[in-house]
Protein backbone atom coordinates (compact mmCIF):
# COMPACT_ATOMS: atom_id res chain seq x y z
CA MET A 1 14.45 31.96 36.14
CA ALA A 2 10.74 32.70 35.66
CA PRO A 3 8.15 30.11 36.75
CA VAL A 4 6.38 27.98 34.14
CA LYS A 5 2.62 28.29 33.81
CA ALA A 6 0.86 25.44 35.59
CA CYS A 7 -1.39 24.51 32.64
CA LEU A 8 1.58 24.34 30.25
CA ARG A 9 3.55 22.27 32.75
CA ARG A 10 0.71 19.77 33.21
CA THR A 11 0.16 19.51 29.46
CA PHE A 12 3.84 18.77 28.89
CA ILE A 13 3.90 16.09 31.60
CA ILE A 14 0.81 14.35 30.17
CA VAL A 15 2.12 14.41 26.58
CA ASP A 16 5.59 13.30 27.70
CA VAL A 17 4.24 10.35 29.69
CA VAL A 18 1.91 9.26 26.86
CA ILE A 19 4.73 9.38 24.27
CA GLY A 20 7.01 7.49 26.66
CA ILE A 21 4.39 4.76 27.10
CA LEU A 22 3.98 4.55 23.32
CA GLY A 23 7.75 4.18 23.01
CA ILE A 24 7.71 1.27 25.47
CA ILE A 25 4.80 -0.33 23.57
CA TRP A 26 6.76 0.11 20.32
CA LEU A 27 9.72 -1.67 21.93
CA ALA A 28 7.48 -4.51 23.16
CA LEU A 29 5.96 -4.94 19.69
CA SER A 30 9.45 -5.01 18.19
CA LEU A 31 10.41 -7.81 20.56
CA PHE A 32 7.22 -9.70 19.65
CA LEU A 33 7.81 -9.32 15.91
CA HIS A 34 11.42 -10.39 16.31
CA GLY A 35 10.37 -13.49 18.23
CA HIS A 36 7.66 -14.30 15.67
CA TYR A 37 10.09 -13.89 12.78
CA HIS A 38 12.67 -16.01 14.61
CA GLY A 39 10.05 -18.73 15.01
CA ILE A 40 9.21 -18.64 11.30
CA LYS A 41 12.87 -18.76 10.29
CA GLY A 42 13.57 -21.58 12.76
CA GLY A 43 16.73 -19.97 14.10
CA GLN A 44 18.39 -19.59 10.69
CA ASN A 45 20.86 -16.81 9.97
CA TYR A 46 19.22 -13.47 9.23
CA GLU A 47 19.94 -11.33 6.21
CA SER A 48 21.70 -8.00 6.75
CA ASP A 49 18.55 -6.04 5.82
CA THR A 50 16.53 -7.94 8.41
CA ILE A 51 19.11 -7.30 11.13
CA ALA A 52 19.21 -3.60 10.24
CA GLY A 53 15.40 -3.39 10.33
CA PHE A 54 15.04 -4.93 13.78
CA SER A 55 17.96 -2.88 15.11
CA THR A 56 16.23 0.30 13.90
CA LEU A 57 12.99 -0.69 15.63
CA TYR A 58 14.79 -1.36 18.91
CA ALA A 59 16.81 1.84 18.71
CA PHE A 60 13.71 3.95 18.09
CA GLY A 61 11.79 2.49 21.04
CA VAL A 62 14.72 2.87 23.45
CA TRP A 63 15.53 6.39 22.21
CA VAL A 64 11.95 7.68 22.61
CA ALA A 65 11.57 6.17 26.09
CA LEU A 66 14.95 7.60 27.16
CA MET A 67 14.19 11.08 25.81
CA CYS A 68 10.80 11.12 27.54
CA ALA A 69 12.49 10.17 30.83
CA VAL A 70 14.97 13.04 30.38
CA GLY A 71 12.14 15.45 29.55
CA LEU A 72 10.13 14.39 32.60
CA TYR A 73 13.19 14.89 34.81
CA GLY A 74 13.74 18.33 33.33
CA ILE A 75 10.20 19.59 33.91
CA LEU A 76 9.93 18.17 37.43
CA LYS A 77 13.36 19.38 38.59
CA LYS A 78 13.26 22.57 36.48
CA LYS A 79 16.51 21.66 34.69
CA GLN A 80 16.97 23.59 31.47
CA TRP A 81 19.76 21.33 30.17
CA ALA A 82 17.47 18.30 30.39
CA LEU A 83 14.73 20.06 28.44
CA ILE A 84 17.28 21.13 25.80
CA VAL A 85 18.49 17.53 25.43
CA PHE A 86 14.86 16.37 25.20
CA SER A 87 14.04 18.96 22.53
CA VAL A 88 17.05 18.07 20.38
CA GLY A 89 16.42 14.33 20.74
CA MET A 90 12.75 14.56 19.79
CA ILE A 91 13.52 16.87 16.85
CA LEU A 92 15.90 14.19 15.53
CA VAL A 93 13.14 11.58 15.88
CA CYS A 94 10.72 13.85 14.02
CA LEU A 95 13.25 14.31 11.22
CA VAL A 96 13.64 10.54 10.89
CA PHE A 97 9.87 10.10 10.55
CA LEU A 98 9.67 13.00 8.10
CA VAL A 99 12.31 11.45 5.85
CA THR A 100 10.62 8.04 6.12
CA ALA A 101 7.22 9.49 5.26
CA LEU A 102 8.58 11.38 2.25
CA SER A 103 10.36 8.24 1.04
CA ALA A 104 7.09 6.31 1.32
CA VAL A 105 5.28 9.01 -0.67
CA ILE A 106 7.92 8.84 -3.41
CA SER A 107 7.73 5.02 -3.49
CA SER A 108 3.93 5.09 -3.71
CA SER A 109 4.06 7.35 -6.79
CA MET A 110 6.32 5.14 -8.91
CA THR A 111 5.28 4.48 -12.50
CA GLU A 112 4.43 1.09 -13.96
CA GLU A 113 7.54 1.11 -16.14
CA TYR A 114 9.76 1.62 -13.12
CA ALA A 115 7.82 -0.96 -11.08
CA LYS A 116 8.30 -3.58 -13.79
CA VAL A 117 12.04 -3.23 -13.29
CA ALA A 118 12.05 -2.76 -9.50
CA LEU A 119 9.63 -5.57 -8.64
CA LYS A 120 10.79 -8.09 -11.22
CA PRO A 121 12.26 -11.26 -9.67
CA GLU A 122 15.99 -11.63 -10.19
CA ARG A 123 15.66 -15.30 -11.16
CA PRO A 124 12.92 -17.66 -12.41
CA LEU A 125 10.43 -18.21 -9.64
CA ASP A 126 11.24 -21.92 -9.37
CA GLU A 127 14.80 -20.91 -8.39
CA GLU A 128 13.77 -18.26 -5.88
CA THR A 129 13.69 -18.74 -2.12
CA GLU A 130 10.81 -20.53 -0.44
CA GLU A 131 9.67 -17.23 1.08
CA ILE A 132 9.30 -15.53 -2.30
CA GLN A 133 7.60 -18.59 -3.79
CA ALA A 134 5.13 -18.63 -0.88
CA GLN A 135 4.38 -14.93 -1.47
CA TYR A 136 3.63 -15.55 -5.15
CA ASP A 137 1.51 -18.61 -4.30
CA SER A 138 -0.61 -16.48 -1.96
CA LEU A 139 -0.86 -13.70 -4.55
CA GLN A 140 -1.87 -16.11 -7.32
CA SER A 141 -4.48 -17.84 -5.18
CA MET A 142 -5.96 -14.53 -4.05
CA PHE A 143 -6.13 -12.68 -7.37
CA HIS A 144 -6.40 -15.64 -9.80
CA CYS A 145 -3.25 -14.76 -11.71
CA CYS A 146 -0.01 -16.49 -12.64
CA GLY A 147 3.62 -15.37 -12.74
CA PHE A 148 4.99 -11.85 -12.81
CA LEU A 149 4.52 -10.69 -16.42
CA ASN A 150 4.85 -13.79 -18.59
CA GLY A 151 2.49 -16.22 -16.91
CA THR A 152 3.77 -19.77 -16.44
CA HIS A 153 7.04 -18.88 -18.21
CA ASP A 154 8.09 -16.94 -15.10
CA TRP A 155 8.00 -20.21 -13.13
CA GLY A 156 10.60 -21.90 -15.31
CA SER A 157 10.24 -25.67 -15.44
CA ILE A 158 7.33 -26.04 -13.00
CA ILE A 159 3.71 -24.94 -12.89
CA PRO A 160 2.52 -24.51 -9.29
CA GLY A 161 -0.95 -25.49 -8.23
CA SER A 162 -1.80 -21.86 -7.46
CA CYS A 163 -1.52 -21.11 -11.22
CA GLN A 164 -3.98 -23.82 -12.19
CA CYS A 165 -7.66 -22.98 -12.57
CA PRO A 166 -10.36 -24.91 -10.72
CA ASP A 167 -13.14 -26.51 -12.76
CA THR A 168 -15.53 -23.61 -12.31
CA PRO A 169 -17.23 -22.11 -15.39
CA GLU A 170 -16.91 -18.52 -14.15
CA ILE A 171 -13.17 -18.88 -13.58
CA LEU A 172 -12.41 -20.97 -16.68
CA GLU A 173 -13.37 -17.99 -18.83
CA HIS A 174 -10.16 -16.27 -17.68
CA CYS A 175 -7.90 -19.28 -18.20
CA ILE A 176 -5.92 -20.76 -21.05
CA SER A 177 -5.14 -24.39 -21.84
CA LEU A 178 -1.61 -25.78 -21.80
CA ASN A 179 -0.27 -29.18 -22.77
CA VAL A 180 2.12 -30.42 -20.12
CA THR A 181 4.42 -33.24 -21.14
CA SER A 182 5.95 -35.53 -18.52
CA PRO A 183 7.97 -38.74 -18.94
CA GLU A 184 4.82 -40.72 -18.27
CA ARG A 185 2.11 -38.86 -20.17
CA THR A 186 0.89 -35.62 -21.73
CA GLU A 187 -2.02 -33.84 -20.13
CA GLU A 188 -3.94 -30.64 -20.67
CA ILE A 189 -4.30 -28.21 -17.78
CA ASN A 190 -5.97 -24.83 -17.42
CA VAL A 191 -3.92 -21.97 -15.99
CA TYR A 192 -4.69 -18.33 -15.29
CA GLU A 193 -4.04 -16.08 -18.25
CA GLN A 194 -3.69 -12.83 -16.31
CA PRO A 195 -0.18 -12.10 -14.91
CA CYS A 196 0.15 -10.93 -11.32
CA PHE A 197 2.02 -7.69 -11.99
CA PRO A 198 -1.08 -5.38 -12.06
CA TYR A 199 -2.21 -6.72 -8.68
CA LEU A 200 1.32 -6.67 -7.26
CA PHE A 201 1.74 -3.08 -8.41
CA HIS A 202 -1.57 -2.08 -6.79
CA VAL A 203 -0.72 -3.81 -3.51
CA HIS A 204 2.73 -2.24 -3.53
CA LYS A 205 1.33 1.27 -3.95
CA MET A 206 -1.33 0.70 -1.28
CA ILE A 207 1.27 -0.52 1.25
CA TRP A 208 3.47 2.52 0.67
CA ARG A 209 0.50 4.88 0.99
CA ILE A 210 -0.46 3.29 4.31
CA ALA A 211 3.17 3.57 5.44
CA ALA A 212 3.25 7.25 4.49
CA ALA A 213 0.00 7.99 6.35
CA PHE A 214 1.27 6.08 9.40
CA ASN A 215 4.55 7.99 9.49
CA PHE A 216 2.85 11.37 9.04
CA ALA A 217 0.39 10.54 11.86
CA ILE A 218 3.23 9.64 14.24
CA LEU A 219 5.12 12.76 13.15
CA LEU A 220 2.16 14.98 14.05
CA CYS A 221 1.97 13.35 17.50
CA LEU A 222 5.70 13.61 18.18
CA VAL A 223 6.16 17.20 17.02
CA VAL A 224 4.01 18.40 19.95
CA CYS A 225 6.75 17.39 22.42
CA PRO A 226 9.61 19.61 21.19
CA VAL A 227 7.20 22.51 20.61
CA LEU A 228 6.00 22.38 24.23
CA SER A 229 9.55 21.98 25.47
CA ILE A 230 10.78 25.02 23.53
CA VAL A 231 7.87 27.13 24.82
CA ILE A 232 8.68 26.07 28.39
CA LEU A 233 12.36 26.92 27.89
CA CYS A 234 11.40 30.37 26.64
CA GLN A 235 9.29 30.93 29.75
CA MET A 236 12.06 29.69 32.05
CA ARG A 237 14.64 31.98 30.42
CA ARG A 238 12.40 35.00 30.78
CA LYS A 239 13.64 37.34 33.54
CA THR A 240 11.32 38.26 36.37
CA ILE A 241 11.31 42.02 36.89
CA ALA A 242 10.60 42.97 40.52
CA PRO A 243 9.05 46.42 41.17
CA PRO A 244 11.34 48.85 43.05
CA VAL A 245 10.64 49.21 46.76
CA ALA A 246 11.51 52.42 48.58
CA PHE A 247 12.41 52.36 52.27
CA THR A 248 12.56 55.31 54.68
CA THR A 249 13.81 55.68 58.23
CA HIS A 250 11.57 58.61 59.06
CA ALA A 251 8.15 57.58 60.19
CA SER A 252 6.98 61.17 60.06
CA ASP A 253 7.16 61.11 56.27
CA SER A 254 4.22 58.72 56.12
CA LYS A 255 0.73 60.13 56.36
CA TYR A 256 -1.67 58.36 58.67
CA THR A 257 -5.23 59.13 59.69
CA GLU A 258 -6.67 58.23 63.00
CA LEU A 259 -9.58 55.84 62.96
CA ARG A 260 -12.46 56.65 65.28
């Protein structure tokens, strides 16, 4: 087994340790997000998608930290099997991030027609969960819009305060008047005319583009590890050719000169 160049060995150790630390930080952030989400939910039962998402985050952090430990053991102890396991494990991680990045790119390029179907609420907003209603309230307050595509009709039998316009001349120009009838009285209110779909579509595309850039950036960082490991394995598998040495039992065959 041929020796590994010192500069390549040091580079691999540094990259391996840095990636391992990032894996541990990823795991710590996953624990923090899980605890924060648990605090928001108040200990309620999680949906299957939420459980799968947190499980994936945990698995990735543990897998990266474990593979980096195996790789460090392989380079320090000069174990080829450990470096092979490290290379295969990190290639699998890179493939996961590649698929995720490509999926994010595809999602960010969806058309408006498809988004109108994919993002449309399944029920009237007044029958949706509190989480979805809170998301629409924030969206409506931020972008001065109302509903998904049909304004107040998307909210069913209620008109939330986030749909109602304040008494500001600049904002009232983009509002319409509605007569709201209650058992007690009939009053006129001003609500935002613009639906929230254009802003929701823009935010959706921006989030997926950021996700794609994030995944590609991590992929570029991670792909260095298996490349270095494969190069080191090639050097370790290279045979060392020793020059032939001739021995003789007759000292007279050698030519010497006397030093004066």
